[in-house]
Protein backbone atom coordinates (compact mmCIF):
# COMPACT_ATOMS: atom_id res chain seq x y z
CA UNK A 1 0.00 0.00 0.00
CA UNK A 2 1.44 3.35 -1.05
CA UNK A 3 0.44 6.50 0.79
CA UNK A 4 1.47 10.14 1.24
CA UNK A 5 1.63 12.06 4.50
CA UNK A 6 1.48 15.85 4.15
CA UNK A 7 3.22 16.39 7.50
CA UNK A 8 5.25 14.48 10.07
CA UNK A 9 3.44 12.95 13.03
CA UNK A 10 1.78 9.90 14.51
CA UNK A 11 0.14 7.81 11.80
CA UNK A 12 -2.06 4.75 11.77
CA UNK A 13 -2.77 2.44 8.83
CA UNK A 14 -5.20 -0.38 9.58
CA UNK A 15 -7.00 -3.00 7.50
CA UNK A 16 -10.58 -3.79 8.53
CA UNK A 17 -13.11 -6.40 7.49
CA UNK A 18 -16.63 -5.62 6.28
CA UNK A 19 -17.85 -5.40 9.89
CA UNK A 20 -15.25 -2.78 10.83
CA UNK A 21 -13.08 -5.14 12.87
CA UNK A 22 -9.34 -4.43 12.58
CA UNK A 23 -7.66 -7.50 11.11
CA UNK A 24 -4.20 -6.07 10.37
CA UNK A 25 -2.25 -3.03 11.57
CA UNK A 26 0.44 -1.90 9.12
CA UNK A 27 1.48 1.34 10.82
CA UNK A 28 1.06 2.72 14.31
CA UNK A 29 4.08 4.97 14.69
CA UNK A 30 5.58 8.41 14.11
CA UNK A 31 6.35 8.92 10.40
CA UNK A 32 7.99 11.81 8.56
CA UNK A 33 6.13 13.72 5.86
CA UNK A 34 6.34 12.33 2.34
CA UNK A 35 5.69 9.14 0.39
CA UNK A 36 5.58 5.79 2.16
CA UNK A 37 4.92 2.18 1.23
CA UNK A 38 4.03 -0.86 3.30
CA UNK A 39 3.71 -4.47 2.19
CA UNK A 40 0.48 -6.23 2.99
CA UNK A 41 0.33 -10.01 3.42
CA UNK A 42 -3.22 -11.35 3.68
CA UNK A 43 -2.60 -15.06 3.03
CA UNK A 44 -4.13 -16.00 6.38
CA UNK A 45 -7.35 -14.07 5.66
CA UNK A 46 -10.24 -15.35 3.56
CA UNK A 47 -10.99 -13.81 0.18
CA UNK A 48 -13.28 -10.82 0.30
CA UNK A 49 -13.59 -7.08 0.51
CA UNK A 50 -11.58 -5.21 3.11
CA UNK A 51 -11.01 -1.54 3.84
CA UNK A 52 -7.84 0.22 4.90
CA UNK A 53 -7.83 3.49 6.78
CA UNK A 54 -4.96 5.93 7.04
CA UNK A 55 -5.19 8.37 9.95
CA UNK A 56 -2.85 11.19 10.90
CA UNK A 57 -3.96 14.08 13.06
CA UNK A 58 -7.23 15.43 11.61
CA UNK A 59 -6.69 13.58 8.30
CA UNK A 60 -8.43 10.27 7.61
CA UNK A 61 -8.63 8.40 4.31
CA UNK A 62 -10.36 5.06 3.72
CA UNK A 63 -10.07 2.93 0.60
CA UNK A 64 -11.44 -0.44 -0.46
CA UNK A 65 -9.27 -3.50 -0.99
CA UNK A 66 -10.37 -6.67 -2.78
CA UNK A 67 -8.47 -9.74 -1.61
CA UNK A 68 -8.29 -12.79 -3.93
CA UNK A 69 -6.05 -15.82 -3.76
PDB file of N, CA and C in Angstrom:
ATOM      1  N   UNK A   1       0.858  -1.173   0.000  1.00  0.00           N
ATOM      2  CA  UNK A   1       0.000   0.000   0.000  1.00  0.00           C
ATOM      3  C   UNK A   1       0.894   1.222   0.000  1.00  0.00           C
ATOM      4  N   UNK A   2       0.694   2.097  -0.965  1.00  0.00           N
ATOM      5  CA  UNK A   2       1.438   3.353  -1.045  1.00  0.00           C
ATOM      6  C   UNK A   2       0.567   4.472  -0.505  1.00  0.00           C
ATOM      7  N   UNK A   3       1.192   5.379   0.255  1.00  0.00           N
ATOM      8  CA  UNK A   3       0.435   6.502   0.792  1.00  0.00           C
ATOM      9  C   UNK A   3       1.350   7.707   0.986  1.00  0.00           C
ATOM     10  N   UNK A   4       0.750   8.878   1.074  1.00  0.00           N
ATOM     11  CA  UNK A   4       1.468  10.140   1.238  1.00  0.00           C
ATOM     12  C   UNK A   4       0.991  10.820   2.512  1.00  0.00           C
ATOM     13  N   UNK A   5       1.941  11.297   3.299  1.00  0.00           N
ATOM     14  CA  UNK A   5       1.626  12.062   4.501  1.00  0.00           C
ATOM     15  C   UNK A   5       2.058  13.508   4.280  1.00  0.00           C
ATOM     16  N   UNK A   6       1.141  14.451   4.393  1.00  0.00           N
ATOM     17  CA  UNK A   6       1.479  15.849   4.145  1.00  0.00           C
ATOM     18  C   UNK A   6       2.369  16.472   5.223  1.00  0.00           C
ATOM     19  N   UNK A   7       2.372  15.874   6.414  1.00  0.00           N
ATOM     20  CA  UNK A   7       3.215  16.393   7.500  1.00  0.00           C
ATOM     21  C   UNK A   7       3.675  15.249   8.387  1.00  0.00           C
ATOM     22  N   UNK A   8       4.730  15.480   9.137  1.00  0.00           N
ATOM     23  CA  UNK A   8       5.246  14.475  10.069  1.00  0.00           C
ATOM     24  C   UNK A   8       4.315  14.346  11.261  1.00  0.00           C
ATOM     25  N   UNK A   9       4.256  13.147  11.837  1.00  0.00           N
ATOM     26  CA  UNK A   9       3.439  12.946  13.026  1.00  0.00           C
ATOM     27  C   UNK A   9       3.063  11.495  13.212  1.00  0.00           C
ATOM     28  N   UNK A  10       2.278  11.242  14.247  1.00  0.00           N
ATOM     29  CA  UNK A  10       1.781   9.898  14.510  1.00  0.00           C
ATOM     30  C   UNK A  10       0.822   9.504  13.400  1.00  0.00           C
ATOM     31  N   UNK A  11       0.994   8.305  12.883  1.00  0.00           N
ATOM     32  CA  UNK A  11       0.145   7.811  11.803  1.00  0.00           C
ATOM     33  C   UNK A  11      -0.320   6.404  12.120  1.00  0.00           C
ATOM     34  N   UNK A  12      -1.487   6.074  11.590  1.00  0.00           N
ATOM     35  CA  UNK A  12      -2.061   4.752  11.768  1.00  0.00           C
ATOM     36  C   UNK A  12      -2.595   4.281  10.422  1.00  0.00           C
ATOM     37  N   UNK A  13      -2.266   3.053  10.054  1.00  0.00           N
ATOM     38  CA  UNK A  13      -2.767   2.444   8.828  1.00  0.00           C
ATOM     39  C   UNK A  13      -3.261   1.054   9.191  1.00  0.00           C
ATOM     40  N   UNK A  14      -4.592   0.877   9.147  1.00  0.00           N
ATOM     41  CA  UNK A  14      -5.200  -0.377   9.579  1.00  0.00           C
ATOM     42  C   UNK A  14      -6.081  -0.951   8.484  1.00  0.00           C
ATOM     43  N   UNK A  15      -6.123  -2.284   8.436  1.00  0.00           N
ATOM     44  CA  UNK A  15      -6.996  -3.002   7.505  1.00  0.00           C
ATOM     45  C   UNK A  15      -8.157  -3.560   8.321  1.00  0.00           C
ATOM     46  N   UNK A  16      -9.386  -3.341   7.819  1.00  0.00           N
ATOM     47  CA  UNK A  16     -10.577  -3.788   8.526  1.00  0.00           C
ATOM     48  C   UNK A  16     -11.442  -4.662   7.627  1.00  0.00           C
ATOM     49  N   UNK A  17     -12.181  -5.576   8.246  1.00  0.00           N
ATOM     50  CA  UNK A  17     -13.105  -6.401   7.486  1.00  0.00           C
ATOM     51  C   UNK A  17     -14.401  -5.629   7.245  1.00  0.00           C
ATOM     52  N   UNK A  18     -15.366  -6.272   6.629  1.00  0.00           N
ATOM     53  CA  UNK A  18     -16.635  -5.621   6.285  1.00  0.00           C
ATOM     54  C   UNK A  18     -17.422  -5.169   7.512  1.00  0.00           C
ATOM     55  N   UNK A  19     -17.145  -5.760   8.662  1.00  0.00           N
ATOM     56  CA  UNK A  19     -17.851  -5.396   9.887  1.00  0.00           C
ATOM     57  C   UNK A  19     -17.143  -4.290  10.666  1.00  0.00           C
ATOM     58  N   UNK A  20     -15.990  -3.844  10.163  1.00  0.00           N
ATOM     59  CA  UNK A  20     -15.250  -2.777  10.827  1.00  0.00           C
ATOM     60  C   UNK A  20     -14.245  -3.266  11.847  1.00  0.00           C
ATOM     61  N   UNK A  21     -14.045  -4.573  11.928  1.00  0.00           N
ATOM     62  CA  UNK A  21     -13.077  -5.139  12.875  1.00  0.00           C
ATOM     63  C   UNK A  21     -11.675  -5.044  12.279  1.00  0.00           C
ATOM     64  N   UNK A  22     -10.725  -4.524  13.042  1.00  0.00           N
ATOM     65  CA  UNK A  22      -9.337  -4.428  12.584  1.00  0.00           C
ATOM     66  C   UNK A  22      -8.736  -5.820  12.504  1.00  0.00           C
ATOM     67  N   UNK A  23      -8.245  -6.177  11.306  1.00  0.00           N
ATOM     68  CA  UNK A  23      -7.656  -7.498  11.108  1.00  0.00           C
ATOM     69  C   UNK A  23      -6.145  -7.422  10.900  1.00  0.00           C
ATOM     70  N   UNK A  24      -5.634  -6.228  10.653  1.00  0.00           N
ATOM     71  CA  UNK A  24      -4.202  -6.070  10.367  1.00  0.00           C
ATOM     72  C   UNK A  24      -3.809  -4.622  10.614  1.00  0.00           C
ATOM     73  N   UNK A  25      -2.761  -4.379  11.361  1.00  0.00           N
ATOM     74  CA  UNK A  25      -2.250  -3.026  11.572  1.00  0.00           C
ATOM     75  C   UNK A  25      -0.888  -2.935  10.892  1.00  0.00           C
ATOM     76  N   UNK A  26      -0.807  -2.075   9.876  1.00  0.00           N
ATOM     77  CA  UNK A  26       0.439  -1.901   9.124  1.00  0.00           C
ATOM     78  C   UNK A  26       1.333  -0.840   9.744  1.00  0.00           C
ATOM     79  N   UNK A  27       0.729   0.224  10.243  1.00  0.00           N
ATOM     80  CA  UNK A  27       1.484   1.339  10.817  1.00  0.00           C
ATOM     81  C   UNK A  27       0.775   1.813  12.073  1.00  0.00           C
ATOM     82  N   UNK A  28       1.543   2.065  13.102  1.00  0.00           N
ATOM     83  CA  UNK A  28       1.056   2.715  14.314  1.00  0.00           C
ATOM     84  C   UNK A  28       2.276   3.357  14.963  1.00  0.00           C
ATOM     85  N   UNK A  29       2.785   4.418  14.299  1.00  0.00           N
ATOM     86  CA  UNK A  29       4.077   4.970  14.688  1.00  0.00           C
ATOM     87  C   UNK A  29       4.215   6.399  14.167  1.00  0.00           C
ATOM     88  N   UNK A  30       5.248   7.074  14.611  1.00  0.00           N
ATOM     89  CA  UNK A  30       5.584   8.405  14.108  1.00  0.00           C
ATOM     90  C   UNK A  30       6.261   8.240  12.748  1.00  0.00           C
ATOM     91  N   UNK A  31       5.764   8.968  11.734  1.00  0.00           N
ATOM     92  CA  UNK A  31       6.347   8.916  10.403  1.00  0.00           C
ATOM     93  C   UNK A  31       6.634  10.322   9.901  1.00  0.00           C
ATOM     94  N   UNK A  32       7.704  10.502   9.144  1.00  0.00           N
ATOM     95  CA  UNK A  32       7.993  11.807   8.562  1.00  0.00           C
ATOM     96  C   UNK A  32       7.054  12.088   7.388  1.00  0.00           C
ATOM     97  N   UNK A  33       6.944  13.339   7.019  1.00  0.00           N
ATOM     98  CA  UNK A  33       6.134  13.725   5.860  1.00  0.00           C
ATOM     99  C   UNK A  33       6.731  13.105   4.602  1.00  0.00           C
ATOM    100  N   UNK A  34       5.866  12.851   3.614  1.00  0.00           N
ATOM    101  CA  UNK A  34       6.335  12.335   2.339  1.00  0.00           C
ATOM    102  C   UNK A  34       5.667  11.038   1.938  1.00  0.00           C
ATOM    103  N   UNK A  35       6.216  10.395   0.925  1.00  0.00           N
ATOM    104  CA  UNK A  35       5.692   9.143   0.394  1.00  0.00           C
ATOM    105  C   UNK A  35       6.171   7.958   1.213  1.00  0.00           C
ATOM    106  N   UNK A  36       5.280   7.009   1.397  1.00  0.00           N
ATOM    107  CA  UNK A  36       5.580   5.793   2.156  1.00  0.00           C
ATOM    108  C   UNK A  36       4.963   4.602   1.456  1.00  0.00           C
ATOM    109  N   UNK A  37       5.466   3.414   1.779  1.00  0.00           N
ATOM    110  CA  UNK A  37       4.924   2.177   1.226  1.00  0.00           C
ATOM    111  C   UNK A  37       5.050   1.080   2.262  1.00  0.00           C
ATOM    112  N   UNK A  38       4.015   0.281   2.394  1.00  0.00           N
ATOM    113  CA  UNK A  38       4.028  -0.855   3.303  1.00  0.00           C
ATOM    114  C   UNK A  38       3.512  -2.084   2.556  1.00  0.00           C
ATOM    115  N   UNK A  39       4.146  -3.224   2.798  1.00  0.00           N
ATOM    116  CA  UNK A  39       3.710  -4.475   2.191  1.00  0.00           C
ATOM    117  C   UNK A  39       2.583  -5.068   3.025  1.00  0.00           C
ATOM    118  N   UNK A  40       1.640  -5.658   2.344  1.00  0.00           N
ATOM    119  CA  UNK A  40       0.477  -6.233   2.995  1.00  0.00           C
ATOM    120  C   UNK A  40       0.384  -7.710   2.629  1.00  0.00           C
ATOM    121  N   UNK A  41       0.413  -8.569   3.632  1.00  0.00           N
ATOM    122  CA  UNK A  41       0.332 -10.010   3.420  1.00  0.00           C
ATOM    123  C   UNK A  41      -0.964 -10.525   4.041  1.00  0.00           C
ATOM    124  N   UNK A  42      -1.909 -10.920   3.195  1.00  0.00           N
ATOM    125  CA  UNK A  42      -3.221 -11.349   3.676  1.00  0.00           C
ATOM    126  C   UNK A  42      -3.478 -12.840   3.455  1.00  0.00           C
ATOM    127  N   UNK A  43      -2.432 -13.633   3.313  1.00  0.00           N
ATOM    128  CA  UNK A  43      -2.603 -15.057   3.030  1.00  0.00           C
ATOM    129  C   UNK A  43      -3.443 -15.772   4.080  1.00  0.00           C
ATOM    130  N   UNK A  44      -3.386 -15.322   5.316  1.00  0.00           N
ATOM    131  CA  UNK A  44      -4.125 -15.995   6.381  1.00  0.00           C
ATOM    132  C   UNK A  44      -5.593 -15.569   6.441  1.00  0.00           C
ATOM    133  N   UNK A  45      -5.968 -14.558   5.650  1.00  0.00           N
ATOM    134  CA  UNK A  45      -7.346 -14.070   5.664  1.00  0.00           C
ATOM    135  C   UNK A  45      -8.132 -14.643   4.488  1.00  0.00           C
ATOM    136  N   UNK A  46      -9.432 -14.853   4.670  1.00  0.00           N
ATOM    137  CA  UNK A  46     -10.243 -15.350   3.563  1.00  0.00           C
ATOM    138  C   UNK A  46     -10.406 -14.287   2.478  1.00  0.00           C
ATOM    139  N   UNK A  47     -10.717 -14.747   1.269  1.00  0.00           N
ATOM    140  CA  UNK A  47     -10.985 -13.815   0.183  1.00  0.00           C
ATOM    141  C   UNK A  47     -12.165 -12.924   0.560  1.00  0.00           C
ATOM    142  N   UNK A  48     -12.163 -11.717   0.025  1.00  0.00           N
ATOM    143  CA  UNK A  48     -13.278 -10.820   0.302  1.00  0.00           C
ATOM    144  C   UNK A  48     -12.889  -9.366   0.150  1.00  0.00           C
ATOM    145  N   UNK A  49     -13.797  -8.525   0.575  1.00  0.00           N
ATOM    146  CA  UNK A  49     -13.587  -7.080   0.510  1.00  0.00           C
ATOM    147  C   UNK A  49     -13.162  -6.586   1.885  1.00  0.00           C
ATOM    148  N   UNK A  50     -12.098  -5.813   1.893  1.00  0.00           N
ATOM    149  CA  UNK A  50     -11.577  -5.208   3.108  1.00  0.00           C
ATOM    150  C   UNK A  50     -11.428  -3.708   2.867  1.00  0.00           C
ATOM    151  N   UNK A  51     -11.245  -2.981   3.938  1.00  0.00           N
ATOM    152  CA  UNK A  51     -11.014  -1.537   3.845  1.00  0.00           C
ATOM    153  C   UNK A  51      -9.751  -1.209   4.624  1.00  0.00           C
ATOM    154  N   UNK A  52      -8.981  -0.244   4.116  1.00  0.00           N
ATOM    155  CA  UNK A  52      -7.844   0.216   4.897  1.00  0.00           C
ATOM    156  C   UNK A  52      -7.988   1.700   5.140  1.00  0.00           C
ATOM    157  N   UNK A  53      -7.664   2.113   6.351  1.00  0.00           N
ATOM    158  CA  UNK A  53      -7.832   3.490   6.782  1.00  0.00           C
ATOM    159  C   UNK A  53      -6.499   4.053   7.247  1.00  0.00           C
ATOM    160  N   UNK A  54      -6.147   5.189   6.660  1.00  0.00           N
ATOM    161  CA  UNK A  54      -4.955   5.931   7.044  1.00  0.00           C
ATOM    162  C   UNK A  54      -5.405   7.124   7.875  1.00  0.00           C
ATOM    163  N   UNK A  55      -4.836   7.265   9.061  1.00  0.00           N
ATOM    164  CA  UNK A  55      -5.188   8.369   9.946  1.00  0.00           C
ATOM    165  C   UNK A  55      -3.914   9.050  10.426  1.00  0.00           C
ATOM    166  N   UNK A  56      -3.935  10.382  10.346  1.00  0.00           N
ATOM    167  CA  UNK A  56      -2.847  11.187  10.899  1.00  0.00           C
ATOM    168  C   UNK A  56      -3.435  12.534  11.291  1.00  0.00           C
ATOM    169  N   UNK A  57      -3.386  12.826  12.584  1.00  0.00           N
ATOM    170  CA  UNK A  57      -3.964  14.079  13.062  1.00  0.00           C
ATOM    171  C   UNK A  57      -5.441  14.166  12.708  1.00  0.00           C
ATOM    172  N   UNK A  58      -5.841  15.247  12.027  1.00  0.00           N
ATOM    173  CA  UNK A  58      -7.232  15.428  11.612  1.00  0.00           C
ATOM    174  C   UNK A  58      -7.529  14.786  10.262  1.00  0.00           C
ATOM    175  N   UNK A  59      -6.532  14.174   9.628  1.00  0.00           N
ATOM    176  CA  UNK A  59      -6.686  13.583   8.304  1.00  0.00           C
ATOM    177  C   UNK A  59      -7.024  12.107   8.410  1.00  0.00           C
ATOM    178  N   UNK A  60      -8.058  11.682   7.691  1.00  0.00           N
ATOM    179  CA  UNK A  60      -8.429  10.270   7.614  1.00  0.00           C
ATOM    180  C   UNK A  60      -8.822   9.951   6.177  1.00  0.00           C
ATOM    181  N   UNK A  61      -8.302   8.837   5.660  1.00  0.00           N
ATOM    182  CA  UNK A  61      -8.633   8.397   4.312  1.00  0.00           C
ATOM    183  C   UNK A  61      -8.888   6.898   4.356  1.00  0.00           C
ATOM    184  N   UNK A  62     -10.007   6.478   3.771  1.00  0.00           N
ATOM    185  CA  UNK A  62     -10.357   5.064   3.721  1.00  0.00           C
ATOM    186  C   UNK A  62     -10.524   4.634   2.277  1.00  0.00           C
ATOM    187  N   UNK A  63      -9.953   3.479   1.953  1.00  0.00           N
ATOM    188  CA  UNK A  63     -10.068   2.929   0.602  1.00  0.00           C
ATOM    189  C   UNK A  63     -10.428   1.458   0.688  1.00  0.00           C
ATOM    190  N   UNK A  64     -11.014   0.956  -0.393  1.00  0.00           N
ATOM    191  CA  UNK A  64     -11.440  -0.443  -0.457  1.00  0.00           C
ATOM    192  C   UNK A  64     -10.324  -1.306  -1.030  1.00  0.00           C
ATOM    193  N   UNK A  65     -10.270  -2.530  -0.554  1.00  0.00           N
ATOM    194  CA  UNK A  65      -9.271  -3.496  -0.989  1.00  0.00           C
ATOM    195  C   UNK A  65      -9.970  -4.822  -1.260  1.00  0.00           C
ATOM    196  N   UNK A  66      -9.782  -5.375  -2.442  1.00  0.00           N
ATOM    197  CA  UNK A  66     -10.372  -6.666  -2.784  1.00  0.00           C
ATOM    198  C   UNK A  66      -9.275  -7.720  -2.719  1.00  0.00           C
ATOM    199  N   UNK A  67      -9.473  -8.699  -1.840  1.00  0.00           N
ATOM    200  CA  UNK A  67      -8.474  -9.741  -1.612  1.00  0.00           C
ATOM    201  C   UNK A  67      -8.904 -11.019  -2.318  1.00  0.00           C
ATOM    202  N   UNK A  68      -8.059 -11.513  -3.256  1.00  0.00           N
ATOM    203  CA  UNK A  68      -8.292 -12.790  -3.926  1.00  0.00           C
ATOM    204  C   UNK A  68      -7.043 -13.639  -3.803  1.00  0.00           C
ATOM    205  N   UNK A  69      -7.205 -14.926  -3.878  1.00  0.00           N
ATOM    206  CA  UNK A  69      -6.051 -15.825  -3.765  1.00  0.00           C
ATOM    207  C   UNK A  69      -5.684 -16.376  -5.099  1.00  0.00           C
TER     208      UNK A  69
END
